[in-house]
């Protein structure tokens, strides 16, 4: 899991996370898992998200 360092707004942090196409795919997978009530796949998808450079 990624946590922002310093003073970033939620919107700025979201833009950093979503800048990567890979992260966009992993977030989509996590959202689908939640819709399907599949907690295992949700956490698995979130675990693949790469933290952006600060």
PDB file of N, CA and C in Angstrom:
ATOM      1  N   UNK A   1       0.840  -1.177   0.000  1.00  0.00           N
ATOM      2  CA  UNK A   1       0.000   0.000   0.000  1.00  0.00           C
ATOM      3  C   UNK A   1       0.885   1.240   0.000  1.00  0.00           C
ATOM      4  N   UNK A   2       0.401   2.254  -0.647  1.00  0.00           N
ATOM      5  CA  UNK A   2       1.137   3.504  -0.771  1.00  0.00           C
ATOM      6  C   UNK A   2       0.527   4.558   0.143  1.00  0.00           C
ATOM      7  N   UNK A   3       1.377   5.333   0.748  1.00  0.00           N
ATOM      8  CA  UNK A   3       0.909   6.478   1.516  1.00  0.00           C
ATOM      9  C   UNK A   3       1.719   7.687   1.071  1.00  0.00           C
ATOM     10  N   UNK A   4       1.061   8.829   0.910  1.00  0.00           N
ATOM     11  CA  UNK A   4       1.783  10.017   0.445  1.00  0.00           C
ATOM     12  C   UNK A   4       2.718  10.549   1.513  1.00  0.00           C
ATOM     13  N   UNK A   5       3.826  11.089   1.045  1.00  0.00           N
ATOM     14  CA  UNK A   5       4.765  11.744   1.954  1.00  0.00           C
ATOM     15  C   UNK A   5       4.661  13.237   1.695  1.00  0.00           C
ATOM     16  N   UNK A   6       4.538  13.995   2.739  1.00  0.00           N
ATOM     17  CA  UNK A   6       4.411  15.429   2.568  1.00  0.00           C
ATOM     18  C   UNK A   6       2.967  15.847   2.423  1.00  0.00           C
ATOM     19  N   UNK A   7       2.804  17.058   1.941  1.00  0.00           N
ATOM     20  CA  UNK A   7       1.473  17.649   1.833  1.00  0.00           C
ATOM     21  C   UNK A   7       0.938  17.524   0.414  1.00  0.00           C
ATOM     22  N   UNK A   8       0.180  16.480   0.158  1.00  0.00           N
ATOM     23  CA  UNK A   8      -0.485  16.308  -1.128  1.00  0.00           C
ATOM     24  C   UNK A   8      -1.986  16.256  -0.892  1.00  0.00           C
ATOM     25  N   UNK A   9      -2.724  16.892  -1.776  1.00  0.00           N
ATOM     26  CA  UNK A   9      -4.175  16.772  -1.694  1.00  0.00           C
ATOM     27  C   UNK A   9      -4.557  15.370  -2.157  1.00  0.00           C
ATOM     28  N   UNK A  10      -5.749  14.956  -1.829  1.00  0.00           N
ATOM     29  CA  UNK A  10      -6.229  13.649  -2.289  1.00  0.00           C
ATOM     30  C   UNK A  10      -6.220  13.574  -3.811  1.00  0.00           C
ATOM     31  N   UNK A  11      -6.604  14.672  -4.458  1.00  0.00           N
ATOM     32  CA  UNK A  11      -6.644  14.695  -5.925  1.00  0.00           C
ATOM     33  C   UNK A  11      -5.247  14.570  -6.524  1.00  0.00           C
ATOM     34  N   UNK A  12      -4.272  15.256  -5.944  1.00  0.00           N
ATOM     35  CA  UNK A  12      -2.897  15.179  -6.443  1.00  0.00           C
ATOM     36  C   UNK A  12      -2.344  13.770  -6.245  1.00  0.00           C
ATOM     37  N   UNK A  13      -2.654  13.159  -5.105  1.00  0.00           N
ATOM     38  CA  UNK A  13      -2.190  11.801  -4.829  1.00  0.00           C
ATOM     39  C   UNK A  13      -2.821  10.816  -5.811  1.00  0.00           C
ATOM     40  N   UNK A  14      -4.108  10.983  -6.076  1.00  0.00           N
ATOM     41  CA  UNK A  14      -4.795  10.122  -7.038  1.00  0.00           C
ATOM     42  C   UNK A  14      -4.142  10.231  -8.416  1.00  0.00           C
ATOM     43  N   UNK A  15      -3.821  11.438  -8.848  1.00  0.00           N
ATOM     44  CA  UNK A  15      -3.194  11.634 -10.160  1.00  0.00           C
ATOM     45  C   UNK A  15      -1.844  10.935 -10.234  1.00  0.00           C
ATOM     46  N   UNK A  16      -1.078  10.981  -9.147  1.00  0.00           N
ATOM     47  CA  UNK A  16       0.222  10.297  -9.131  1.00  0.00           C
ATOM     48  C   UNK A  16       0.045   8.785  -9.242  1.00  0.00           C
ATOM     49  N   UNK A  17      -0.881   8.235  -8.481  1.00  0.00           N
ATOM     50  CA  UNK A  17      -1.131   6.790  -8.503  1.00  0.00           C
ATOM     51  C   UNK A  17      -1.641   6.360  -9.876  1.00  0.00           C
ATOM     52  N   UNK A  18      -2.567   7.132 -10.436  1.00  0.00           N
ATOM     53  CA  UNK A  18      -3.225   6.757 -11.685  1.00  0.00           C
ATOM     54  C   UNK A  18      -2.428   7.129 -12.932  1.00  0.00           C
ATOM     55  N   UNK A  19      -1.244   7.714 -12.771  1.00  0.00           N
ATOM     56  CA  UNK A  19      -0.419   8.088 -13.926  1.00  0.00           C
ATOM     57  C   UNK A  19       0.080   6.852 -14.671  1.00  0.00           C
ATOM     58  N   UNK A  20       0.209   5.752 -13.982  1.00  0.00           N
ATOM     59  CA  UNK A  20       0.701   4.506 -14.574  1.00  0.00           C
ATOM     60  C   UNK A  20      -0.459   3.691 -15.138  1.00  0.00           C
ATOM     61  N   UNK A  21      -0.303   3.223 -16.374  1.00  0.00           N
ATOM     62  CA  UNK A  21      -1.344   2.371 -16.969  1.00  0.00           C
ATOM     63  C   UNK A  21      -1.500   1.071 -16.185  1.00  0.00           C
ATOM     64  N   UNK A  22      -0.397   0.557 -15.677  1.00  0.00           N
ATOM     65  CA  UNK A  22      -0.462  -0.656 -14.869  1.00  0.00           C
ATOM     66  C   UNK A  22      -1.296  -0.444 -13.616  1.00  0.00           C
ATOM     67  N   UNK A  23      -1.079   0.680 -12.946  1.00  0.00           N
ATOM     68  CA  UNK A  23      -1.863   0.982 -11.751  1.00  0.00           C
ATOM     69  C   UNK A  23      -3.337   1.162 -12.089  1.00  0.00           C
ATOM     70  N   UNK A  24      -3.624   1.786 -13.224  1.00  0.00           N
ATOM     71  CA  UNK A  24      -5.013   1.947 -13.637  1.00  0.00           C
ATOM     72  C   UNK A  24      -5.684   0.583 -13.775  1.00  0.00           C
ATOM     73  N   UNK A  25      -4.974  -0.367 -14.358  1.00  0.00           N
ATOM     74  CA  UNK A  25      -5.522  -1.719 -14.531  1.00  0.00           C
ATOM     75  C   UNK A  25      -5.751  -2.390 -13.176  1.00  0.00           C
ATOM     76  N   UNK A  26      -4.797  -2.255 -12.278  1.00  0.00           N
ATOM     77  CA  UNK A  26      -4.928  -2.880 -10.958  1.00  0.00           C
ATOM     78  C   UNK A  26      -6.091  -2.269 -10.173  1.00  0.00           C
ATOM     79  N   UNK A  27      -6.275  -0.962 -10.284  1.00  0.00           N
ATOM     80  CA  UNK A  27      -7.393  -0.304  -9.602  1.00  0.00           C
ATOM     81  C   UNK A  27      -8.718  -0.779 -10.191  1.00  0.00           C
ATOM     82  N   UNK A  28      -8.779  -0.927 -11.525  1.00  0.00           N
ATOM     83  CA  UNK A  28      -9.999  -1.458 -12.158  1.00  0.00           C
ATOM     84  C   UNK A  28     -10.301  -2.859 -11.633  1.00  0.00           C
ATOM     85  N   UNK A  29      -9.253  -3.694 -11.533  1.00  0.00           N
ATOM     86  CA  UNK A  29      -9.436  -5.059 -11.028  1.00  0.00           C
ATOM     87  C   UNK A  29      -9.957  -5.037  -9.595  1.00  0.00           C
ATOM     88  N   UNK A  30      -9.437  -4.121  -8.784  1.00  0.00           N
ATOM     89  CA  UNK A  30      -9.884  -4.013  -7.394  1.00  0.00           C
ATOM     90  C   UNK A  30     -11.347  -3.586  -7.328  1.00  0.00           C
ATOM     91  N   UNK A  31     -11.742  -2.647  -8.185  1.00  0.00           N
ATOM     92  CA  UNK A  31     -13.131  -2.185  -8.195  1.00  0.00           C
ATOM     93  C   UNK A  31     -14.080  -3.306  -8.616  1.00  0.00           C
ATOM     94  N   UNK A  32     -13.684  -4.092  -9.591  1.00  0.00           N
ATOM     95  CA  UNK A  32     -14.512  -5.226 -10.024  1.00  0.00           C
ATOM     96  C   UNK A  32     -14.635  -6.246  -8.897  1.00  0.00           C
ATOM     97  N   UNK A  33     -13.529  -6.492  -8.201  1.00  0.00           N
ATOM     98  CA  UNK A  33     -13.554  -7.451  -7.091  1.00  0.00           C
ATOM     99  C   UNK A  33     -14.528  -6.997  -6.005  1.00  0.00           C
ATOM    100  N   UNK A  34     -14.539  -5.699  -5.708  1.00  0.00           N
ATOM    101  CA  UNK A  34     -15.467  -5.175  -4.699  1.00  0.00           C
ATOM    102  C   UNK A  34     -16.909  -5.352  -5.172  1.00  0.00           C
ATOM    103  N   UNK A  35     -17.157  -5.047  -6.461  1.00  0.00           N
ATOM    104  CA  UNK A  35     -18.511  -5.216  -6.999  1.00  0.00           C
ATOM    105  C   UNK A  35     -18.975  -6.664  -6.887  1.00  0.00           C
ATOM    106  N   UNK A  36     -18.032  -7.581  -7.002  1.00  0.00           N
ATOM    107  CA  UNK A  36     -18.362  -9.011  -6.933  1.00  0.00           C
ATOM    108  C   UNK A  36     -18.230  -9.569  -5.512  1.00  0.00           C
ATOM    109  N   UNK A  37     -17.978  -8.668  -4.562  1.00  0.00           N
ATOM    110  CA  UNK A  37     -17.837  -9.052  -3.161  1.00  0.00           C
ATOM    111  C   UNK A  37     -16.732 -10.095  -2.967  1.00  0.00           C
ATOM    112  N   UNK A  38     -15.608  -9.891  -3.653  1.00  0.00           N
ATOM    113  CA  UNK A  38     -14.482 -10.818  -3.589  1.00  0.00           C
ATOM    114  C   UNK A  38     -13.300 -10.112  -2.921  1.00  0.00           C
ATOM    115  N   UNK A  39     -13.256 -10.208  -1.608  1.00  0.00           N
ATOM    116  CA  UNK A  39     -12.241  -9.498  -0.840  1.00  0.00           C
ATOM    117  C   UNK A  39     -10.827  -9.984  -1.155  1.00  0.00           C
ATOM    118  N   UNK A  40     -10.665 -11.270  -1.396  1.00  0.00           N
ATOM    119  CA  UNK A  40      -9.339 -11.815  -1.710  1.00  0.00           C
ATOM    120  C   UNK A  40      -8.768 -11.158  -2.968  1.00  0.00           C
ATOM    121  N   UNK A  41      -9.558 -11.111  -4.038  1.00  0.00           N
ATOM    122  CA  UNK A  41      -9.089 -10.508  -5.287  1.00  0.00           C
ATOM    123  C   UNK A  41      -8.874  -9.002  -5.145  1.00  0.00           C
ATOM    124  N   UNK A  42      -9.685  -8.373  -4.302  1.00  0.00           N
ATOM    125  CA  UNK A  42      -9.526  -6.940  -4.043  1.00  0.00           C
ATOM    126  C   UNK A  42      -8.135  -6.655  -3.480  1.00  0.00           C
ATOM    127  N   UNK A  43      -7.776  -7.373  -2.409  1.00  0.00           N
ATOM    128  CA  UNK A  43      -6.478  -7.140  -1.776  1.00  0.00           C
ATOM    129  C   UNK A  43      -5.333  -7.574  -2.684  1.00  0.00           C
ATOM    130  N   UNK A  44      -5.555  -8.598  -3.473  1.00  0.00           N
ATOM    131  CA  UNK A  44      -4.534  -9.052  -4.413  1.00  0.00           C
ATOM    132  C   UNK A  44      -4.265  -7.960  -5.459  1.00  0.00           C
ATOM    133  N   UNK A  45      -5.311  -7.362  -5.981  1.00  0.00           N
ATOM    134  CA  UNK A  45      -5.159  -6.294  -6.979  1.00  0.00           C
ATOM    135  C   UNK A  45      -4.486  -5.070  -6.371  1.00  0.00           C
ATOM    136  N   UNK A  46      -4.895  -4.687  -5.171  1.00  0.00           N
ATOM    137  CA  UNK A  46      -4.277  -3.523  -4.529  1.00  0.00           C
ATOM    138  C   UNK A  46      -2.803  -3.769  -4.229  1.00  0.00           C
ATOM    139  N   UNK A  47      -2.455  -5.004  -3.938  1.00  0.00           N
ATOM    140  CA  UNK A  47      -1.060  -5.338  -3.665  1.00  0.00           C
ATOM    141  C   UNK A  47      -0.159  -5.179  -4.877  1.00  0.00           C
ATOM    142  N   UNK A  48      -0.743  -5.120  -6.061  1.00  0.00           N
ATOM    143  CA  UNK A  48       0.029  -4.959  -7.295  1.00  0.00           C
ATOM    144  C   UNK A  48       0.265  -3.494  -7.662  1.00  0.00           C
ATOM    145  N   UNK A  49      -0.435  -2.583  -7.003  1.00  0.00           N
ATOM    146  CA  UNK A  49      -0.279  -1.158  -7.301  1.00  0.00           C
ATOM    147  C   UNK A  49       1.129  -0.723  -6.909  1.00  0.00           C
ATOM    148  N   UNK A  50       1.809  -0.059  -7.841  1.00  0.00           N
ATOM    149  CA  UNK A  50       3.168   0.419  -7.590  1.00  0.00           C
ATOM    150  C   UNK A  50       3.108   1.847  -7.069  1.00  0.00           C
ATOM    151  N   UNK A  51       3.836   2.098  -6.003  1.00  0.00           N
ATOM    152  CA  UNK A  51       3.858   3.430  -5.409  1.00  0.00           C
ATOM    153  C   UNK A  51       4.671   4.381  -6.290  1.00  0.00           C
ATOM    154  N   UNK A  52       4.156   5.594  -6.503  1.00  0.00           N
ATOM    155  CA  UNK A  52       4.879   6.558  -7.336  1.00  0.00           C
ATOM    156  C   UNK A  52       6.083   7.133  -6.601  1.00  0.00           C
ATOM    157  N   UNK A  53       7.036   7.600  -7.380  1.00  0.00           N
ATOM    158  CA  UNK A  53       8.194   8.280  -6.804  1.00  0.00           C
ATOM    159  C   UNK A  53       7.740   9.608  -6.221  1.00  0.00           C
ATOM    160  N   UNK A  54       8.298   9.941  -5.108  1.00  0.00           N
ATOM    161  CA  UNK A  54       7.936  11.214  -4.478  1.00  0.00           C
ATOM    162  C   UNK A  54       9.026  12.182  -4.724  1.00  0.00           C
TER     163      UNK A  54
END
